[in-house]
Every structure is written in structure tokens, then in C-alpha cells.
Amino acid sequence: MTAKTSKHEFRSNTVPAFVTVGPVAVLLLFLVVAPLVLVAVMSFCRTDEFYNVVYKFTAVNYTKLFSVDYLRIYGQSLLIAFVTTVICVLVGYPFAYVIARNKTKWKKLLYMLVIIPFWTNSLIRIYGWRAFLGSSGWLNKLLMTLHIVSEPVDFLYKTGTTILGMVYCFIPFMVLPLYTAIEKLDGSLLEASSDLGAKPIRTLFEVIIPLTASGIFSGCIMVFIPCLGYFFVSYILGGGNTDMIGNLIERQFKSANNWPLGAALSIILILVTLLLVKLYQKLGGDMDNLGV
């Protein structure tokens, strides 16, 4: 092979790839990598008396993360995210199963019911729940009309209301990977289980759930991780009484003007996300189910 031929092959293979991948790589570099590097660097900085960021190395921001007040918010965030994830699994699995195993014309309609919420901004939908659950909202009006209660019930600004909002926002993220996993389920295995005398409940726990475990786990990751950062749900429905890690980060960047501490909290949240995704990979999960 001559040098001229080698150079020609290099151009024919490299130039098209560079033209195709190059612009995307540049965008990722400036829109993803650069901001993450900036946040990581800022997390090791401090602020002066005028709340300006001073680019001088310090690890004090990471030591502040272990204060008692912050640990309480971490625990509360993990609890709310865990309960939200469990409820999404319990509600989403039967719904996903019905859609995936449905062979009628209603299948597309049921699938659209999952997709439609993505067409509207989640912030607007949460404000809709606030109007619905408020003291002068439709729910209280209905309860008083039916004489179930004599005065408006205070539904808002409670942990349960925050969890309700989280479940409402994230239930599609649970249903979609479950639907993908259940649709791939071999129907002959269910028939074989029935022929061998297994009851439906036994088939569910010993055949269906083990074979769709990847969908369950991917759905749990897609719900649990974003739930930690959805600060506006706890603000609107929880009234700030159920702070999440996302609320803590948002507060540092806005009212507290402590960007380095907010950056340190963001880095910790990113590390938790990467850890859970790595765990998913180790357990043999399909990254396509996570939309990665």
C-alpha cells in the first residue's frame, strides 16, 4: 500500500466522520462538558463579604454538606423520592402491563394517555393541582357540596401533597420503560406457566416480574434521581415545608448567593446519579431503557 493510497483512505474515512460528528462534539463540549467543569471548579471556591465568587481553592463547601440541617434535608429527600418511586411502581406496573398486553384498538389510546402529559409544561400542571387542592379549589367545593365536610380541608403544604405531585410528574417515566420490558415478554412462557398448574399470582411473581426486572429498575432510576432535584413541586404543593436537595441547591444560587456551596451540592447529586447508573449497568441493565 503506497503512502498516497493510505492518505486517500484516511481522508475518505476521517473527513466524513469529522463532518458528521464534529458539530455535535463541539456542542457537547460547550453545552455539557464546559458547564460541568465550571461547576466542579466553583465547588472548591469561596465567597467574599460581598458574595462574589473568589477562585481560591478550599474544601470548606464539602465540609458544610455534613451539617445537621443539611443531613435532615438529605434524609427527607431520600424518603420522599423512595416513597414516590414505590408508588410509581405499584401504580405504573399494572397500567404498563395492560397497555403492553392489549391487542385491541384501545392500545394506542392508552399509550397516548401516558405521552400526553409531556405536551404540557410540568410547572403548569403542578399549579393546576394547587388550584384543585386549594381551600377554594374544586375538591373542597365537591366535598362541601356532598356535605362530607363542613369547612374547607387544608390539603396543601404537606408531605403527602408533595409526594402526590411527584408521582403525578414521574408516573410516565415509570410506565414507559415498564411498557418496553413487558412488551418484549414471551407470551409462550406465560402459557407454559399456566399449563404447569401455576396460579396467576405465582406466575406474576415467579415469571413476569423476574423477566421484566430490568424495566422496573430502569424506571426506578428514572423516577428516583430526578425526584431529588424537582424543587418546584415541594415549593408549590409543599409550601417549603418539605425541602428537597433541589430546593437546597436552588436556594444557594438565589437567596443565599452562595454559588460555591450550591455547586458542591450539585456535584454530589451528579455523583449519586452516576453511581446509580453504574449500578444499573453492573446489574445488566439495558442503557436504551434509560434513554441514554
C-alpha atoms as a PDB file:
ATOM      1  CA  MET A   1       0.000   0.000   0.000  1.00  0.00           C
ATOM      2  CA  THR A   2       1.507   3.330  -1.060  1.00  0.00           C
ATOM      3  CA  ALA A   3       1.586   6.484   1.048  1.00  0.00           C
ATOM      4  CA  LYS A   4      -0.754   8.157  -1.424  1.00  0.00           C
ATOM      5  CA  THR A   5      -3.340   5.372  -1.087  1.00  0.00           C
ATOM      6  CA  SER A   6      -3.082   5.442   2.712  1.00  0.00           C
ATOM      7  CA  LYS A   7      -3.579   9.201   2.737  1.00  0.00           C
ATOM      8  CA  HIS A   8      -6.606   8.888   0.459  1.00  0.00           C
ATOM      9  CA  GLU A   9      -8.225   6.249   2.686  1.00  0.00           C
ATOM     10  CA  PHE A  10      -7.555   8.380   5.751  1.00  0.00           C
ATOM     11  CA  ARG A  11      -9.333  11.306   4.161  1.00  0.00           C
ATOM     12  CA  SER A  12     -12.230   9.195   2.894  1.00  0.00           C
ATOM     13  CA  ASN A  13     -12.798   7.686   6.362  1.00  0.00           C
ATOM     14  CA  THR A  14     -11.944  10.593   8.646  1.00  0.00           C
ATOM     15  CA  VAL A  15     -13.370  13.633   6.894  1.00  0.00           C
ATOM     16  CA  PRO A  16     -16.989  12.333   6.638  1.00  0.00           C
ATOM     17  CA  ALA A  17     -16.870  11.180  10.258  1.00  0.00           C
ATOM     18  CA  PHE A  18     -15.500  14.544  11.391  1.00  0.00           C
ATOM     19  CA  VAL A  19     -18.122  16.446   9.411  1.00  0.00           C
ATOM     20  CA  THR A  20     -20.886  14.272  10.898  1.00  0.00           C
ATOM     21  CA  VAL A  21     -19.699  14.014  14.497  1.00  0.00           C
ATOM     22  CA  GLY A  22     -17.667  17.217  14.784  1.00  0.00           C
ATOM     23  CA  PRO A  23     -20.518  19.738  15.249  1.00  0.00           C
ATOM     24  CA  VAL A  24     -22.235  17.500  17.803  1.00  0.00           C
ATOM     25  CA  ALA A  25     -18.958  17.033  19.689  1.00  0.00           C
ATOM     26  CA  VAL A  26     -18.371  20.797  19.772  1.00  0.00           C
ATOM     27  CA  LEU A  27     -21.903  21.401  21.079  1.00  0.00           C
ATOM     28  CA  LEU A  28     -21.475  18.765  23.789  1.00  0.00           C
ATOM     29  CA  LEU A  29     -18.125  20.280  24.724  1.00  0.00           C
ATOM     30  CA  PHE A  30     -19.524  23.780  25.214  1.00  0.00           C
ATOM     31  CA  LEU A  31     -23.018  22.939  26.476  1.00  0.00           C
ATOM     32  CA  VAL A  32     -22.287  19.915  28.697  1.00  0.00           C
ATOM     33  CA  VAL A  33     -18.608  19.435  29.484  1.00  0.00           C
ATOM     34  CA  ALA A  34     -17.664  23.087  29.983  1.00  0.00           C
ATOM     35  CA  PRO A  35     -20.549  23.877  32.404  1.00  0.00           C
ATOM     36  CA  LEU A  36     -19.816  20.730  34.438  1.00  0.00           C
ATOM     37  CA  VAL A  37     -16.144  21.674  34.680  1.00  0.00           C
ATOM     38  CA  LEU A  38     -17.121  25.191  35.757  1.00  0.00           C
ATOM     39  CA  VAL A  39     -19.460  23.829  38.451  1.00  0.00           C
ATOM     40  CA  ALA A  40     -16.767  21.417  39.674  1.00  0.00           C
ATOM     41  CA  VAL A  41     -14.186  24.222  39.886  1.00  0.00           C
ATOM     42  CA  MET A  42     -16.636  26.576  41.598  1.00  0.00           C
ATOM     43  CA  SER A  43     -17.424  23.949  44.243  1.00  0.00           C
ATOM     44  CA  PHE A  44     -13.867  24.375  45.562  1.00  0.00           C
ATOM     45  CA  CYS A  45     -14.101  28.171  45.711  1.00  0.00           C
ATOM     46  CA  ARG A  46     -15.404  30.550  48.368  1.00  0.00           C
ATOM     47  CA  THR A  47     -17.287  33.849  48.537  1.00  0.00           C
ATOM     48  CA  ASP A  48     -16.127  37.219  49.859  1.00  0.00           C
ATOM     49  CA  GLU A  49     -18.084  39.610  52.056  1.00  0.00           C
ATOM     50  CA  PHE A  50     -19.979  40.876  49.006  1.00  0.00           C
ATOM     51  CA  TYR A  51     -20.976  37.313  47.951  1.00  0.00           C
ATOM     52  CA  ASN A  52     -18.664  37.375  44.957  1.00  0.00           C
ATOM     53  CA  VAL A  53     -17.062  34.079  43.979  1.00  0.00           C
ATOM     54  CA  VAL A  54     -13.372  34.005  44.848  1.00  0.00           C
ATOM     55  CA  TYR A  55     -11.466  31.430  42.820  1.00  0.00           C
ATOM     56  CA  LYS A  56      -9.230  30.270  45.621  1.00  0.00           C
ATOM     57  CA  PHE A  57      -9.071  26.583  46.496  1.00  0.00           C
ATOM     58  CA  THR A  58     -10.928  25.470  49.619  1.00  0.00           C
ATOM     59  CA  ALA A  59     -12.771  22.322  50.687  1.00  0.00           C
ATOM     60  CA  VAL A  60     -14.990  24.117  53.214  1.00  0.00           C
ATOM     61  CA  ASN A  61     -18.065  23.765  50.981  1.00  0.00           C
ATOM     62  CA  TYR A  62     -17.879  19.990  51.140  1.00  0.00           C
ATOM     63  CA  THR A  63     -17.451  20.018  54.911  1.00  0.00           C
ATOM     64  CA  LYS A  64     -20.616  22.144  55.239  1.00  0.00           C
ATOM     65  CA  LEU A  65     -22.572  19.423  53.483  1.00  0.00           C
ATOM     66  CA  PHE A  66     -22.410  17.309  56.644  1.00  0.00           C
ATOM     67  CA  SER A  67     -24.176  19.810  58.909  1.00  0.00           C
ATOM     68  CA  VAL A  68     -27.192  18.548  60.838  1.00  0.00           C
ATOM     69  CA  ASP A  69     -29.677  20.746  58.972  1.00  0.00           C
ATOM     70  CA  TYR A  70     -28.459  19.521  55.600  1.00  0.00           C
ATOM     71  CA  LEU A  71     -28.442  15.888  56.702  1.00  0.00           C
ATOM     72  CA  ARG A  72     -32.086  16.247  57.706  1.00  0.00           C
ATOM     73  CA  ILE A  73     -32.946  17.558  54.225  1.00  0.00           C
ATOM     74  CA  TYR A  74     -30.974  14.694  52.631  1.00  0.00           C
ATOM     75  CA  GLY A  75     -32.942  12.159  54.637  1.00  0.00           C
ATOM     76  CA  GLN A  76     -36.257  13.850  53.854  1.00  0.00           C
ATOM     77  CA  SER A  77     -35.362  13.994  50.147  1.00  0.00           C
ATOM     78  CA  LEU A  78     -34.408  10.322  50.030  1.00  0.00           C
ATOM     79  CA  LEU A  79     -37.603   9.347  51.860  1.00  0.00           C
ATOM     80  CA  ILE A  80     -39.859  11.341  49.525  1.00  0.00           C
ATOM     81  CA  ALA A  81     -38.014  10.029  46.452  1.00  0.00           C
ATOM     82  CA  PHE A  82     -38.244   6.456  47.749  1.00  0.00           C
ATOM     83  CA  VAL A  83     -41.968   6.650  48.530  1.00  0.00           C
ATOM     84  CA  THR A  84     -42.621   8.319  45.167  1.00  0.00           C
ATOM     85  CA  THR A  85     -40.724   5.554  43.370  1.00  0.00           C
ATOM     86  CA  VAL A  86     -42.584   2.783  45.200  1.00  0.00           C
ATOM     87  CA  ILE A  87     -45.969   4.335  44.426  1.00  0.00           C
ATOM     88  CA  CYS A  88     -44.991   4.799  40.770  1.00  0.00           C
ATOM     89  CA  VAL A  89     -44.049   1.105  40.556  1.00  0.00           C
ATOM     90  CA  LEU A  90     -47.286  -0.045  42.198  1.00  0.00           C
ATOM     91  CA  VAL A  91     -49.434   2.199  40.008  1.00  0.00           C
ATOM     92  CA  GLY A  92     -47.400   2.101  36.816  1.00  0.00           C
ATOM     93  CA  TYR A  93     -46.769  -1.643  36.548  1.00  0.00           C
ATOM     94  CA  PRO A  94     -50.431  -2.726  36.162  1.00  0.00           C
ATOM     95  CA  PHE A  95     -51.080   0.134  33.749  1.00  0.00           C
ATOM     96  CA  ALA A  96     -47.984  -0.701  31.665  1.00  0.00           C
ATOM     97  CA  TYR A  97     -48.963  -4.384  31.655  1.00  0.00           C
ATOM     98  CA  VAL A  98     -52.460  -3.596  30.393  1.00  0.00           C
ATOM     99  CA  ILE A  99     -51.050  -1.440  27.587  1.00  0.00           C
ATOM    100  CA  ALA A 100     -48.327  -3.902  26.577  1.00  0.00           C
ATOM    101  CA  ARG A 101     -50.583  -6.975  26.524  1.00  0.00           C
ATOM    102  CA  ASN A 102     -53.543  -5.188  24.973  1.00  0.00           C
ATOM    103  CA  LYS A 103     -54.266  -6.375  21.431  1.00  0.00           C
ATOM    104  CA  THR A 104     -57.294  -4.169  20.757  1.00  0.00           C
ATOM    105  CA  LYS A 105     -57.662  -0.746  19.183  1.00  0.00           C
ATOM    106  CA  TRP A 106     -57.542   0.797  22.671  1.00  0.00           C
ATOM    107  CA  LYS A 107     -53.800   0.158  22.948  1.00  0.00           C
ATOM    108  CA  LYS A 108     -52.825   3.336  21.086  1.00  0.00           C
ATOM    109  CA  LEU A 109     -55.254   5.397  23.137  1.00  0.00           C
ATOM    110  CA  LEU A 110     -53.874   4.035  26.416  1.00  0.00           C
ATOM    111  CA  TYR A 111     -50.331   4.702  25.234  1.00  0.00           C
ATOM    112  CA  MET A 112     -51.287   8.275  24.301  1.00  0.00           C
ATOM    113  CA  LEU A 113     -52.620   8.816  27.815  1.00  0.00           C
ATOM    114  CA  VAL A 114     -49.049   8.270  29.027  1.00  0.00           C
ATOM    115  CA  ILE A 115     -47.492  10.549  26.408  1.00  0.00           C
ATOM    116  CA  ILE A 116     -49.962  13.459  26.581  1.00  0.00           C
ATOM    117  CA  PRO A 117     -48.626  14.895  29.898  1.00  0.00           C
ATOM    118  CA  PHE A 118     -45.288  15.545  28.145  1.00  0.00           C
ATOM    119  CA  TRP A 119     -47.062  18.004  25.855  1.00  0.00           C
ATOM    120  CA  THR A 120     -47.680  20.405  28.742  1.00  0.00           C
ATOM    121  CA  ASN A 121     -45.089  22.006  30.975  1.00  0.00           C
ATOM    122  CA  SER A 122     -44.912  20.214  34.333  1.00  0.00           C
ATOM    123  CA  LEU A 123     -44.862  23.540  36.188  1.00  0.00           C
ATOM    124  CA  ILE A 124     -48.263  24.465  34.739  1.00  0.00           C
ATOM    125  CA  ARG A 125     -49.677  21.054  35.640  1.00  0.00           C
ATOM    126  CA  ILE A 126     -48.468  21.358  39.227  1.00  0.00           C
ATOM    127  CA  TYR A 127     -50.142  24.760  39.527  1.00  0.00           C
ATOM    128  CA  GLY A 128     -53.281  23.018  38.300  1.00  0.00           C
ATOM    129  CA  TRP A 129     -53.032  20.590  41.218  1.00  0.00           C
ATOM    130  CA  ARG A 130     -52.583  23.547  43.572  1.00  0.00           C
ATOM    131  CA  ALA A 131     -55.785  25.106  42.271  1.00  0.00           C
ATOM    132  CA  PHE A 132     -57.582  21.765  42.517  1.00  0.00           C
ATOM    133  CA  LEU A 133     -56.466  21.050  46.109  1.00  0.00           C
ATOM    134  CA  GLY A 134     -56.678  24.617  47.449  1.00  0.00           C
ATOM    135  CA  SER A 135     -59.139  25.721  50.116  1.00  0.00           C
ATOM    136  CA  SER A 136     -61.353  27.219  47.391  1.00  0.00           C
ATOM    137  CA  GLY A 137     -60.495  24.530  44.856  1.00  0.00           C
ATOM    138  CA  TRP A 138     -62.754  22.047  43.096  1.00  0.00           C
ATOM    139  CA  LEU A 139     -62.070  19.200  45.509  1.00  0.00           C
ATOM    140  CA  ASN A 140     -63.119  21.182  48.570  1.00  0.00           C
ATOM    141  CA  LYS A 141     -66.170  22.528  46.747  1.00  0.00           C
ATOM    142  CA  LEU A 142     -67.199  18.995  45.825  1.00  0.00           C
ATOM    143  CA  LEU A 143     -66.696  17.708  49.387  1.00  0.00           C
ATOM    144  CA  MET A 144     -68.725  20.574  50.820  1.00  0.00           C
ATOM    145  CA  THR A 145     -71.456  20.168  48.202  1.00  0.00           C
ATOM    146  CA  LEU A 146     -71.786  16.497  49.121  1.00  0.00           C
ATOM    147  CA  HIS A 147     -71.781  17.514  52.807  1.00  0.00           C
ATOM    148  CA  ILE A 148     -68.788  15.288  53.501  1.00  0.00           C
ATOM    149  CA  VAL A 149     -67.018  18.193  55.227  1.00  0.00           C
ATOM    150  CA  SER A 150     -68.461  21.335  56.784  1.00  0.00           C
ATOM    151  CA  GLU A 151     -65.462  23.569  56.034  1.00  0.00           C
ATOM    152  CA  PRO A 152     -62.561  23.513  53.546  1.00  0.00           C
ATOM    153  CA  VAL A 153     -59.873  20.919  54.225  1.00  0.00           C
ATOM    154  CA  ASP A 154     -56.246  22.016  54.162  1.00  0.00           C
ATOM    155  CA  PHE A 155     -54.723  19.636  51.603  1.00  0.00           C
ATOM    156  CA  LEU A 156     -51.768  21.792  50.612  1.00  0.00           C
ATOM    157  CA  TYR A 157     -48.337  22.252  52.208  1.00  0.00           C
ATOM    158  CA  LYS A 158     -47.974  18.703  53.475  1.00  0.00           C
ATOM    159  CA  THR A 159     -45.513  15.913  52.718  1.00  0.00           C
ATOM    160  CA  GLY A 160     -48.281  13.757  51.263  1.00  0.00           C
ATOM    161  CA  THR A 161     -49.265  16.513  48.830  1.00  0.00           C
ATOM    162  CA  THR A 162     -45.660  16.843  47.702  1.00  0.00           C
ATOM    163  CA  ILE A 163     -45.472  13.099  47.099  1.00  0.00           C
ATOM    164  CA  LEU A 164     -48.738  13.279  45.133  1.00  0.00           C
ATOM    165  CA  GLY A 165     -47.233  15.948  42.884  1.00  0.00           C
ATOM    166  CA  MET A 166     -44.042  13.931  42.426  1.00  0.00           C
ATOM    167  CA  VAL A 167     -45.985  10.792  41.498  1.00  0.00           C
ATOM    168  CA  TYR A 168     -48.076  12.763  39.023  1.00  0.00           C
ATOM    169  CA  CYS A 169     -44.957  14.206  37.362  1.00  0.00           C
ATOM    170  CA  PHE A 170     -42.952  10.981  37.199  1.00  0.00           C
ATOM    171  CA  ILE A 171     -45.501   8.236  36.564  1.00  0.00           C
ATOM    172  CA  PRO A 172     -44.889   8.403  32.762  1.00  0.00           C
ATOM    173  CA  PHE A 173     -41.156   7.884  33.358  1.00  0.00           C
ATOM    174  CA  MET A 174     -42.028   4.664  35.160  1.00  0.00           C
ATOM    175  CA  VAL A 175     -44.648   3.421  32.715  1.00  0.00           C
ATOM    176  CA  LEU A 176     -42.565   3.802  29.536  1.00  0.00           C
ATOM    177  CA  PRO A 177     -39.615   1.527  30.493  1.00  0.00           C
ATOM    178  CA  LEU A 178     -42.042  -0.947  32.063  1.00  0.00           C
ATOM    179  CA  TYR A 179     -44.062  -0.987  28.861  1.00  0.00           C
ATOM    180  CA  THR A 180     -40.906  -1.672  26.838  1.00  0.00           C
ATOM    181  CA  ALA A 181     -39.872  -4.557  29.102  1.00  0.00           C
ATOM    182  CA  ILE A 182     -43.345  -6.118  29.301  1.00  0.00           C
ATOM    183  CA  GLU A 183     -43.911  -5.874  25.551  1.00  0.00           C
ATOM    184  CA  LYS A 184     -40.769  -7.980  24.996  1.00  0.00           C
ATOM    185  CA  LEU A 185     -42.146 -10.668  27.302  1.00  0.00           C
ATOM    186  CA  ASP A 186     -42.609 -14.008  25.512  1.00  0.00           C
ATOM    187  CA  GLY A 187     -46.278 -14.971  25.782  1.00  0.00           C
ATOM    188  CA  SER A 188     -45.439 -18.660  25.437  1.00  0.00           C
ATOM    189  CA  LEU A 189     -43.725 -18.534  28.829  1.00  0.00           C
ATOM    190  CA  LEU A 190     -46.968 -17.403  30.441  1.00  0.00           C
ATOM    191  CA  GLU A 191     -48.852 -20.178  28.689  1.00  0.00           C
ATOM    192  CA  ALA A 192     -46.262 -22.712  29.855  1.00  0.00           C
ATOM    193  CA  SER A 193     -46.588 -21.491  33.426  1.00  0.00           C
ATOM    194  CA  SER A 194     -50.355 -21.862  33.237  1.00  0.00           C
ATOM    195  CA  ASP A 195     -50.097 -25.331  31.679  1.00  0.00           C
ATOM    196  CA  LEU A 196     -47.810 -26.429  34.527  1.00  0.00           C
ATOM    197  CA  GLY A 197     -50.508 -25.507  37.028  1.00  0.00           C
ATOM    198  CA  ALA A 198     -49.174 -22.195  38.303  1.00  0.00           C
ATOM    199  CA  LYS A 199     -51.812 -19.759  39.501  1.00  0.00           C
ATOM    200  CA  PRO A 200     -51.807 -16.199  38.089  1.00  0.00           C
ATOM    201  CA  ILE A 201     -50.326 -14.723  41.279  1.00  0.00           C
ATOM    202  CA  ARG A 202     -47.487 -17.246  41.218  1.00  0.00           C
ATOM    203  CA  THR A 203     -46.881 -16.595  37.519  1.00  0.00           C
ATOM    204  CA  LEU A 204     -46.697 -12.886  38.291  1.00  0.00           C
ATOM    205  CA  PHE A 205     -44.027 -13.190  40.985  1.00  0.00           C
ATOM    206  CA  GLU A 206     -42.021 -16.082  39.541  1.00  0.00           C
ATOM    207  CA  VAL A 207     -42.201 -15.425  35.787  1.00  0.00           C
ATOM    208  CA  ILE A 208     -43.426 -11.951  34.836  1.00  0.00           C
ATOM    209  CA  ILE A 209     -41.664  -9.785  37.428  1.00  0.00           C
ATOM    210  CA  PRO A 210     -38.239 -11.524  37.150  1.00  0.00           C
ATOM    211  CA  LEU A 211     -38.326 -11.251  33.347  1.00  0.00           C
ATOM    212  CA  THR A 212     -39.250  -7.554  33.486  1.00  0.00           C
ATOM    213  CA  ALA A 213     -36.902  -6.643  36.341  1.00  0.00           C
ATOM    214  CA  SER A 214     -34.740  -4.528  34.022  1.00  0.00           C
ATOM    215  CA  GLY A 215     -37.734  -2.330  33.205  1.00  0.00           C
ATOM    216  CA  ILE A 216     -38.581  -1.964  36.888  1.00  0.00           C
ATOM    217  CA  PHE A 217     -35.045  -0.976  37.815  1.00  0.00           C
ATOM    218  CA  SER A 218     -34.637   1.463  34.919  1.00  0.00           C
ATOM    219  CA  GLY A 219     -37.989   3.032  35.776  1.00  0.00           C
ATOM    220  CA  CYS A 220     -36.932   3.369  39.423  1.00  0.00           C
ATOM    221  CA  ILE A 221     -33.747   5.191  38.392  1.00  0.00           C
ATOM    222  CA  MET A 222     -35.656   7.497  36.035  1.00  0.00           C
ATOM    223  CA  VAL A 223     -38.022   8.402  38.877  1.00  0.00           C
ATOM    224  CA  PHE A 224     -35.763   8.384  41.943  1.00  0.00           C
ATOM    225  CA  ILE A 225     -32.920  10.561  40.616  1.00  0.00           C
ATOM    226  CA  PRO A 226     -34.945  13.455  39.098  1.00  0.00           C
ATOM    227  CA  CYS A 227     -37.233  13.411  42.119  1.00  0.00           C
ATOM    228  CA  LEU A 228     -34.346  14.648  44.268  1.00  0.00           C
ATOM    229  CA  GLY A 229     -33.989  17.764  42.138  1.00  0.00           C
ATOM    230  CA  TYR A 230     -37.622  18.720  41.412  1.00  0.00           C
ATOM    231  CA  PHE A 231     -37.602  21.683  43.785  1.00  0.00           C
ATOM    232  CA  PHE A 232     -40.654  23.476  42.349  1.00  0.00           C
ATOM    233  CA  VAL A 233     -43.046  20.662  43.318  1.00  0.00           C
ATOM    234  CA  SER A 234     -42.237  20.991  47.020  1.00  0.00           C
ATOM    235  CA  TYR A 235     -42.394  24.790  46.731  1.00  0.00           C
ATOM    236  CA  ILE A 236     -45.810  24.878  45.076  1.00  0.00           C
ATOM    237  CA  LEU A 237     -47.537  21.953  46.813  1.00  0.00           C
ATOM    238  CA  GLY A 238     -45.397  21.652  49.934  1.00  0.00           C
ATOM    239  CA  GLY A 239     -45.050  25.344  50.655  1.00  0.00           C
ATOM    240  CA  GLY A 240     -41.375  24.917  51.554  1.00  0.00           C
ATOM    241  CA  ASN A 241     -42.266  22.576  54.425  1.00  0.00           C
ATOM    242  CA  THR A 242     -40.835  19.571  52.593  1.00  0.00           C
ATOM    243  CA  ASP A 243     -37.480  20.754  51.292  1.00  0.00           C
ATOM    244  CA  MET A 244     -35.633  18.537  48.839  1.00  0.00           C
ATOM    245  CA  ILE A 245     -31.994  18.589  47.744  1.00  0.00           C
ATOM    246  CA  GLY A 246     -33.130  20.548  44.698  1.00  0.00           C
ATOM    247  CA  ASN A 247     -34.616  23.231  46.970  1.00  0.00           C
ATOM    248  CA  LEU A 248     -31.332  23.441  48.836  1.00  0.00           C
ATOM    249  CA  ILE A 249     -29.364  23.917  45.620  1.00  0.00           C
ATOM    250  CA  GLU A 250     -31.815  26.467  44.234  1.00  0.00           C
ATOM    251  CA  ARG A 251     -31.708  28.448  47.476  1.00  0.00           C
ATOM    252  CA  GLN A 252     -27.901  28.639  47.463  1.00  0.00           C
ATOM    253  CA  PHE A 253     -27.831  30.032  43.933  1.00  0.00           C
ATOM    254  CA  LYS A 254     -30.605  32.560  44.546  1.00  0.00           C
ATOM    255  CA  SER A 255     -31.473  33.859  48.011  1.00  0.00           C
ATOM    256  CA  ALA A 256     -28.284  32.783  49.819  1.00  0.00           C
ATOM    257  CA  ASN A 257     -25.956  33.876  46.975  1.00  0.00           C
ATOM    258  CA  ASN A 258     -23.560  31.077  47.896  1.00  0.00           C
ATOM    259  CA  TRP A 259     -22.779  29.677  44.472  1.00  0.00           C
ATOM    260  CA  PRO A 260     -19.794  27.549  45.576  1.00  0.00           C
ATOM    261  CA  LEU A 261     -21.925  25.698  48.140  1.00  0.00           C
ATOM    262  CA  GLY A 262     -24.678  25.242  45.565  1.00  0.00           C
ATOM    263  CA  ALA A 263     -22.083  23.905  43.130  1.00  0.00           C
ATOM    264  CA  ALA A 264     -20.820  21.420  45.739  1.00  0.00           C
ATOM    265  CA  LEU A 265     -24.371  20.168  46.309  1.00  0.00           C
ATOM    266  CA  SER A 266     -24.836  19.838  42.545  1.00  0.00           C
ATOM    267  CA  ILE A 267     -21.645  17.793  42.228  1.00  0.00           C
ATOM    268  CA  ILE A 268     -22.814  15.432  44.959  1.00  0.00           C
ATOM    269  CA  LEU A 269     -26.154  14.985  43.175  1.00  0.00           C
ATOM    270  CA  ILE A 270     -24.336  14.275  39.900  1.00  0.00           C
ATOM    271  CA  LEU A 271     -22.128  11.686  41.614  1.00  0.00           C
ATOM    272  CA  VAL A 272     -25.201   9.962  43.076  1.00  0.00           C
ATOM    273  CA  THR A 273     -26.721   9.863  39.586  1.00  0.00           C
ATOM    274  CA  LEU A 274     -23.580   8.350  38.052  1.00  0.00           C
ATOM    275  CA  LEU A 275     -23.353   5.814  40.869  1.00  0.00           C
ATOM    276  CA  LEU A 276     -26.922   4.605  40.329  1.00  0.00           C
ATOM    277  CA  VAL A 277     -26.472   4.430  36.550  1.00  0.00           C
ATOM    278  CA  LYS A 278     -23.242   2.447  37.025  1.00  0.00           C
ATOM    279  CA  LEU A 279     -25.079   0.113  39.382  1.00  0.00           C
ATOM    280  CA  TYR A 280     -27.742  -0.336  36.716  1.00  0.00           C
ATOM    281  CA  GLN A 281     -25.063  -1.285  34.192  1.00  0.00           C
ATOM    282  CA  LYS A 282     -23.459  -3.753  36.601  1.00  0.00           C
ATOM    283  CA  LEU A 283     -26.777  -5.491  37.075  1.00  0.00           C
ATOM    284  CA  GLY A 284     -27.011  -5.990  33.327  1.00  0.00           C
ATOM    285  CA  GLY A 285     -29.489  -3.258  32.561  1.00  0.00           C
ATOM    286  CA  ASP A 286     -30.034  -2.024  29.021  1.00  0.00           C
ATOM    287  CA  MET A 287     -28.991   1.614  28.683  1.00  0.00           C
ATOM    288  CA  ASP A 288     -31.568   2.087  25.918  1.00  0.00           C
ATOM    289  CA  ASN A 289     -34.272   1.766  28.579  1.00  0.00           C
ATOM    290  CA  LEU A 290     -32.829   4.830  30.292  1.00  0.00           C
ATOM    291  CA  GLY A 291     -32.887   6.848  27.119  1.00  0.00           C
ATOM    292  CA  VAL A 292     -29.073   7.079  27.171  1.00  0.00           C
END
